[in-house]
N, C-alpha and C. Protein backbone atom coordinates (compact mmCIF):
# COMPACT_ATOMS: atom_id res chain seq x y z
N MET A 1 -56.24 5.76 42.00
CA MET A 1 -56.03 4.37 43.20
C MET A 1 -56.47 3.34 42.45
N ALA A 2 -57.24 2.88 41.44
CA ALA A 2 -58.19 1.18 40.76
C ALA A 2 -57.63 0.46 40.12
N ASN A 3 -55.81 1.47 39.78
CA ASN A 3 -54.74 0.53 38.94
C ASN A 3 -53.74 0.26 40.41
N LEU A 4 -53.62 -0.20 41.46
CA LEU A 4 -52.48 -0.62 42.09
C LEU A 4 -52.59 -1.75 42.28
N GLY A 5 -53.97 -1.92 42.38
CA GLY A 5 -54.27 -3.22 42.66
C GLY A 5 -53.86 -4.60 42.07
N LYS A 6 -53.80 -3.88 40.37
CA LYS A 6 -53.92 -4.85 39.23
C LYS A 6 -52.45 -5.29 38.74
N GLN A 7 -51.63 -4.21 39.31
CA GLN A 7 -50.28 -4.99 38.75
C GLN A 7 -49.65 -6.02 38.73
N PRO A 8 -48.97 -6.56 38.45
CA PRO A 8 -48.93 -8.17 38.10
C PRO A 8 -48.17 -8.65 38.48
N ILE A 9 -48.10 -9.67 39.38
CA ILE A 9 -47.14 -9.80 40.54
C ILE A 9 -45.24 -10.48 39.82
N LEU A 10 -44.66 -9.60 40.25
CA LEU A 10 -43.22 -10.62 39.84
C LEU A 10 -42.87 -12.12 40.44
N ASP A 11 -42.57 -12.02 38.84
CA ASP A 11 -42.47 -13.66 38.86
C ASP A 11 -41.18 -14.32 39.39
N GLN A 12 -40.16 -13.92 39.78
CA GLN A 12 -38.48 -14.28 40.60
C GLN A 12 -38.25 -15.25 39.76
N ALA A 13 -38.42 -16.56 39.51
CA ALA A 13 -38.69 -17.94 39.39
C ALA A 13 -38.46 -17.90 37.78
N ALA A 14 -39.42 -17.21 36.98
CA ALA A 14 -38.79 -16.82 35.28
C ALA A 14 -37.70 -15.33 35.15
N ILE A 15 -37.33 -14.75 36.08
CA ILE A 15 -36.56 -13.71 35.39
C ILE A 15 -35.05 -15.20 35.85
N TRP A 16 -34.46 -15.89 36.94
CA TRP A 16 -33.73 -16.55 36.89
C TRP A 16 -33.29 -17.56 35.35
N ALA A 17 -34.96 -18.19 35.27
CA ALA A 17 -34.40 -18.45 34.08
C ALA A 17 -34.48 -17.71 32.73
N SER A 18 -34.61 -17.43 32.58
CA SER A 18 -34.45 -16.41 31.18
C SER A 18 -33.40 -15.88 31.79
N ALA A 19 -32.27 -15.66 32.72
CA ALA A 19 -30.97 -14.74 32.44
C ALA A 19 -29.85 -16.15 33.26
N LEU A 20 -30.61 -17.97 33.32
CA LEU A 20 -29.18 -18.36 32.84
C LEU A 20 -29.83 -19.30 31.69
N TRP A 21 -31.00 -18.50 31.09
CA TRP A 21 -30.76 -18.83 29.34
C TRP A 21 -30.12 -18.53 28.53
N ARG A 22 -29.83 -17.59 28.85
CA ARG A 22 -29.24 -16.09 27.78
C ARG A 22 -27.82 -16.40 27.89
N GLY A 23 -27.77 -17.14 29.40
CA GLY A 23 -25.41 -17.27 29.73
C GLY A 23 -25.40 -18.53 29.23
N VAL A 24 -26.62 -19.46 28.31
CA VAL A 24 -26.48 -21.02 27.64
C VAL A 24 -25.04 -20.59 26.52
N ALA A 25 -25.63 -19.52 26.03
CA ALA A 25 -24.53 -19.37 23.77
C ALA A 25 -23.16 -19.18 24.59
N PRO A 26 -23.02 -18.12 25.47
CA PRO A 26 -22.08 -17.54 25.08
C PRO A 26 -20.99 -18.75 26.49
N SER A 27 -21.56 -19.55 26.81
CA SER A 27 -20.54 -20.63 27.80
C SER A 27 -21.15 -21.61 27.01
N LEU A 28 -21.94 -21.79 26.35
CA LEU A 28 -21.65 -22.99 25.24
C LEU A 28 -20.44 -22.75 23.89
N ALA A 29 -20.04 -21.29 24.02
CA ALA A 29 -19.92 -20.88 22.04
C ALA A 29 -18.04 -20.90 23.16
N ILE A 30 -18.03 -21.03 24.48
CA ILE A 30 -16.54 -20.66 24.68
C ILE A 30 -16.15 -21.84 25.12
N MET A 31 -16.75 -23.36 25.53
CA MET A 31 -16.36 -24.75 25.79
C MET A 31 -16.04 -25.06 24.34
N LEU A 32 -17.25 -24.50 24.20
CA LEU A 32 -16.74 -25.52 22.38
C LEU A 32 -15.57 -24.75 21.77
N LEU A 33 -14.77 -22.98 21.78
CA LEU A 33 -13.47 -23.07 21.51
C LEU A 33 -12.56 -23.27 22.59
N LEU A 34 -12.18 -23.99 23.61
CA LEU A 34 -10.94 -24.62 24.36
C LEU A 34 -11.07 -25.70 24.63
N GLY A 35 -12.66 -26.65 24.19
CA GLY A 35 -12.12 -27.65 23.02
C GLY A 35 -11.96 -27.84 22.19
N ALA A 36 -11.66 -27.50 21.44
CA ALA A 36 -11.49 -27.40 20.37
C ALA A 36 -9.59 -27.28 19.88
N TRP A 37 -9.48 -26.05 20.74
CA TRP A 37 -8.32 -25.02 20.99
C TRP A 37 -7.24 -25.88 21.60
N THR A 38 -8.20 -27.29 22.44
CA THR A 38 -7.26 -28.46 23.30
C THR A 38 -6.62 -29.55 22.64
N PHE A 39 -8.41 -30.07 22.31
CA PHE A 39 -8.47 -31.31 20.84
C PHE A 39 -6.75 -30.67 20.23
N PHE A 40 -6.67 -29.73 18.91
CA PHE A 40 -6.22 -29.62 18.38
C PHE A 40 -4.69 -29.38 18.50
N ALA A 41 -4.57 -28.89 20.09
CA ALA A 41 -3.24 -27.73 20.70
C ALA A 41 -2.11 -29.35 20.41
N GLY A 42 -2.73 -30.55 21.24
CA GLY A 42 -2.52 -31.62 21.95
C GLY A 42 -2.48 -32.11 19.94
N GLN A 43 -2.75 -32.11 19.63
CA GLN A 43 -2.20 -33.34 18.17
C GLN A 43 -0.65 -33.16 17.82
N GLY A 44 0.16 -32.51 18.07
CA GLY A 44 1.29 -32.11 16.80
C GLY A 44 2.49 -32.04 18.03
N SER A 45 1.39 -32.40 19.74
CA SER A 45 3.34 -32.49 20.50
C SER A 45 3.50 -33.66 21.20
N ALA A 46 5.42 -34.71 20.75
CA ALA A 46 5.02 -35.22 20.55
C ALA A 46 5.75 -35.54 22.99
N SER A 47 4.80 -36.60 23.02
CA SER A 47 4.21 -36.60 24.29
C SER A 47 5.50 -38.46 24.66
N SER A 48 5.26 -39.44 25.40
CA SER A 48 6.05 -40.25 25.41
C SER A 48 4.73 -41.30 25.20
N GLY A 49 3.28 -40.51 25.64
CA GLY A 49 2.12 -41.30 25.54
C GLY A 49 1.69 -42.22 26.73
N ASP A 50 2.12 -42.66 27.59
CA ASP A 50 1.91 -42.96 28.91
C ASP A 50 2.05 -41.69 30.08
N VAL A 51 0.45 -41.54 30.23
CA VAL A 51 0.24 -40.06 30.88
C VAL A 51 0.30 -41.06 32.43
N SER A 52 -0.04 -41.83 32.84
CA SER A 52 -0.19 -42.51 33.80
C SER A 52 2.10 -42.47 34.43
N GLN A 53 3.05 -42.63 33.84
CA GLN A 53 3.63 -42.65 34.52
C GLN A 53 4.25 -41.80 34.69
N ASP A 54 3.89 -40.74 33.42
CA ASP A 54 4.29 -39.56 33.78
C ASP A 54 3.17 -38.84 34.93
N PHE A 55 2.50 -38.59 35.12
CA PHE A 55 1.43 -38.56 36.87
C PHE A 55 2.60 -38.96 37.97
N GLU A 56 2.78 -39.92 37.33
CA GLU A 56 2.87 -40.91 39.32
C GLU A 56 4.04 -40.09 39.36
N SER A 57 5.34 -40.38 38.04
CA SER A 57 6.48 -38.81 38.35
C SER A 57 6.45 -37.74 39.49
N THR A 58 5.64 -36.99 38.60
CA THR A 58 4.98 -35.62 38.99
C THR A 58 4.65 -35.45 40.36
N VAL A 59 3.84 -36.97 40.79
CA VAL A 59 2.89 -36.49 41.58
C VAL A 59 4.03 -36.80 43.02
N LEU A 60 5.51 -38.36 42.58
CA LEU A 60 5.83 -38.36 43.57
C LEU A 60 7.31 -37.61 43.12
N ALA A 61 7.45 -37.37 43.02
CA ALA A 61 8.35 -36.54 42.77
C ALA A 61 8.48 -35.09 44.04
N ALA A 62 8.15 -35.75 44.66
CA ALA A 62 8.89 -34.48 46.04
C ALA A 62 9.33 -35.98 47.34
N VAL A 63 8.64 -37.16 46.74
CA VAL A 63 9.04 -38.44 47.83
C VAL A 63 10.30 -38.54 47.59
N GLY A 64 11.49 -38.86 46.80
CA GLY A 64 11.92 -38.52 46.50
C GLY A 64 13.40 -37.72 47.33
N GLN A 65 13.24 -36.30 47.41
CA GLN A 65 13.49 -35.91 48.11
C GLN A 65 14.11 -35.54 49.90
N LEU A 66 12.26 -36.41 50.41
CA LEU A 66 12.01 -36.36 51.84
C LEU A 66 13.44 -36.09 52.76
N PRO A 67 14.10 -37.61 52.04
CA PRO A 67 15.18 -37.32 53.00
C PRO A 67 16.34 -36.93 52.91
N ASP A 68 16.64 -36.58 51.28
CA ASP A 68 17.21 -35.12 51.90
C ASP A 68 16.29 -33.75 52.55
N ILE A 69 15.28 -33.73 52.34
CA ILE A 69 15.21 -32.62 53.69
C ILE A 69 14.84 -32.45 55.03
N VAL A 70 14.86 -34.41 55.61
CA VAL A 70 14.69 -34.40 56.83
C VAL A 70 16.51 -33.61 57.25
N GLN A 71 17.62 -34.84 56.62
CA GLN A 71 18.17 -34.76 57.34
C GLN A 71 18.80 -33.29 57.27
N THR A 72 17.87 -32.23 56.56
CA THR A 72 19.02 -30.70 56.44
C THR A 72 17.96 -30.62 57.39
N LEU A 73 16.77 -30.59 57.56
CA LEU A 73 16.35 -30.09 59.63
C LEU A 73 16.70 -29.98 61.28
N ARG A 74 17.11 -31.83 60.69
CA ARG A 74 18.25 -31.91 61.83
C ARG A 74 19.27 -32.27 61.77
N GLN A 75 20.37 -31.25 60.90
CA GLN A 75 21.33 -30.46 60.99
C GLN A 75 21.47 -29.45 62.39
N PRO A 76 22.56 -29.74 62.82
CA PRO A 76 22.89 -28.53 63.88
C PRO A 76 22.54 -27.37 63.86
N GLY A 77 21.67 -26.32 64.52
CA GLY A 77 22.24 -24.52 64.19
C GLY A 77 20.64 -24.73 63.38
N THR A 78 19.75 -25.96 62.95
CA THR A 78 17.93 -25.85 62.41
C THR A 78 17.51 -24.89 63.49
N ALA A 79 16.23 -24.50 62.68
CA ALA A 79 15.34 -23.58 64.44
C ALA A 79 14.67 -25.37 64.49
N THR A 80 14.87 -26.41 63.64
CA THR A 80 13.83 -27.40 64.41
C THR A 80 15.11 -28.36 65.60
N ASP A 81 16.06 -28.44 65.06
CA ASP A 81 17.01 -28.62 66.29
C ASP A 81 16.87 -28.19 67.49
N MET A 82 16.96 -26.26 67.07
CA MET A 82 17.01 -25.86 68.68
C MET A 82 15.61 -25.60 68.87
N SER A 83 14.39 -25.97 68.60
CA SER A 83 13.12 -26.24 70.00
C SER A 83 13.26 -27.69 69.44
N GLU A 84 13.70 -29.06 69.27
CA GLU A 84 13.77 -29.95 69.83
C GLU A 84 14.20 -29.86 71.08
N LYS A 85 15.71 -29.34 70.97
CA LYS A 85 17.08 -29.20 72.42
C LYS A 85 15.99 -28.26 73.53
N GLN A 86 14.72 -27.67 73.31
CA GLN A 86 14.88 -26.17 73.55
C GLN A 86 13.18 -28.01 74.60
N ASP A 87 12.66 -28.20 74.15
CA ASP A 87 11.30 -29.01 74.57
C ASP A 87 12.11 -30.42 75.13
N ARG A 88 13.75 -30.75 74.85
CA ARG A 88 13.89 -32.07 76.07
C ARG A 88 14.21 -30.71 77.25
N ALA A 89 14.57 -29.69 77.24
CA ALA A 89 15.44 -29.54 78.55
C ALA A 89 13.36 -28.97 79.11
N LYS A 90 12.98 -28.76 78.64
CA LYS A 90 11.55 -28.01 79.26
C LYS A 90 11.97 -29.22 79.98
N VAL A 91 11.33 -30.64 79.42
CA VAL A 91 11.23 -32.63 80.19
C VAL A 91 12.03 -32.52 81.32
N LYS A 92 13.09 -32.43 81.35
CA LYS A 92 13.87 -33.07 81.72
C LYS A 92 14.17 -32.19 83.58
N GLN A 93 13.47 -30.46 82.95
CA GLN A 93 13.26 -29.59 84.12
C GLN A 93 12.18 -30.06 84.88
N GLY A 94 11.30 -31.12 84.65
CA GLY A 94 10.17 -31.38 85.15
C GLY A 94 8.89 -30.73 84.19
N GLY A 95 8.87 -30.19 83.58
CA GLY A 95 7.43 -28.67 83.13
C GLY A 95 7.23 -30.00 82.08
N GLN A 96 5.64 -29.59 81.46
CA GLN A 96 5.12 -30.31 80.65
C GLN A 96 4.95 -29.85 79.58
N PHE A 97 5.85 -31.14 78.23
CA PHE A 97 5.92 -30.57 77.09
C PHE A 97 3.94 -30.19 75.80
N HIS A 98 4.31 -29.46 75.79
CA HIS A 98 3.26 -29.36 74.29
C HIS A 98 3.65 -28.23 73.46
N PRO A 99 3.17 -28.96 72.67
CA PRO A 99 3.23 -28.16 70.68
C PRO A 99 2.97 -27.18 70.73
N PHE A 100 2.69 -26.77 71.15
CA PHE A 100 2.45 -24.95 70.85
C PHE A 100 2.65 -23.87 72.17
N SER A 101 3.71 -24.90 72.76
CA SER A 101 4.02 -23.91 73.59
C SER A 101 4.44 -22.45 73.44
N ASN A 102 5.07 -22.49 72.29
CA ASN A 102 5.98 -21.36 71.93
C ASN A 102 4.99 -20.42 71.42
N TYR A 103 3.97 -20.67 70.98
CA TYR A 103 3.28 -19.66 70.62
C TYR A 103 1.96 -19.45 71.43
N THR A 104 1.85 -20.22 73.05
CA THR A 104 1.13 -18.60 73.57
C THR A 104 0.99 -18.09 73.96
N GLU A 105 0.54 -17.39 74.94
CA GLU A 105 0.78 -15.55 76.15
C GLU A 105 1.26 -15.99 77.00
N ALA A 106 2.25 -15.58 78.13
CA ALA A 106 2.63 -16.33 79.17
C ALA A 106 1.81 -14.90 80.19
């Protein structure tokens, strides 16, 4: 009974610190391997050299297709065209237009 009070207090901060320090070496090794792989793999590739132009053409690729997409959606018989006709009919009948009216329960 006398030894129950003499147990050391568990230092949780020290446990966390030791666990984090044990993870430093594998993380550093993985980082160095992937960095070297990226560096050496990129040297043999034949790229245009102008990364800004490649980035811009990639980001803006969908913008060039936008008029075609809008035209496709506005064609008669598509879901967008039908829902617009239903919304116009509701307004003509004196009803209120609500964009999510098709999804609310009656």
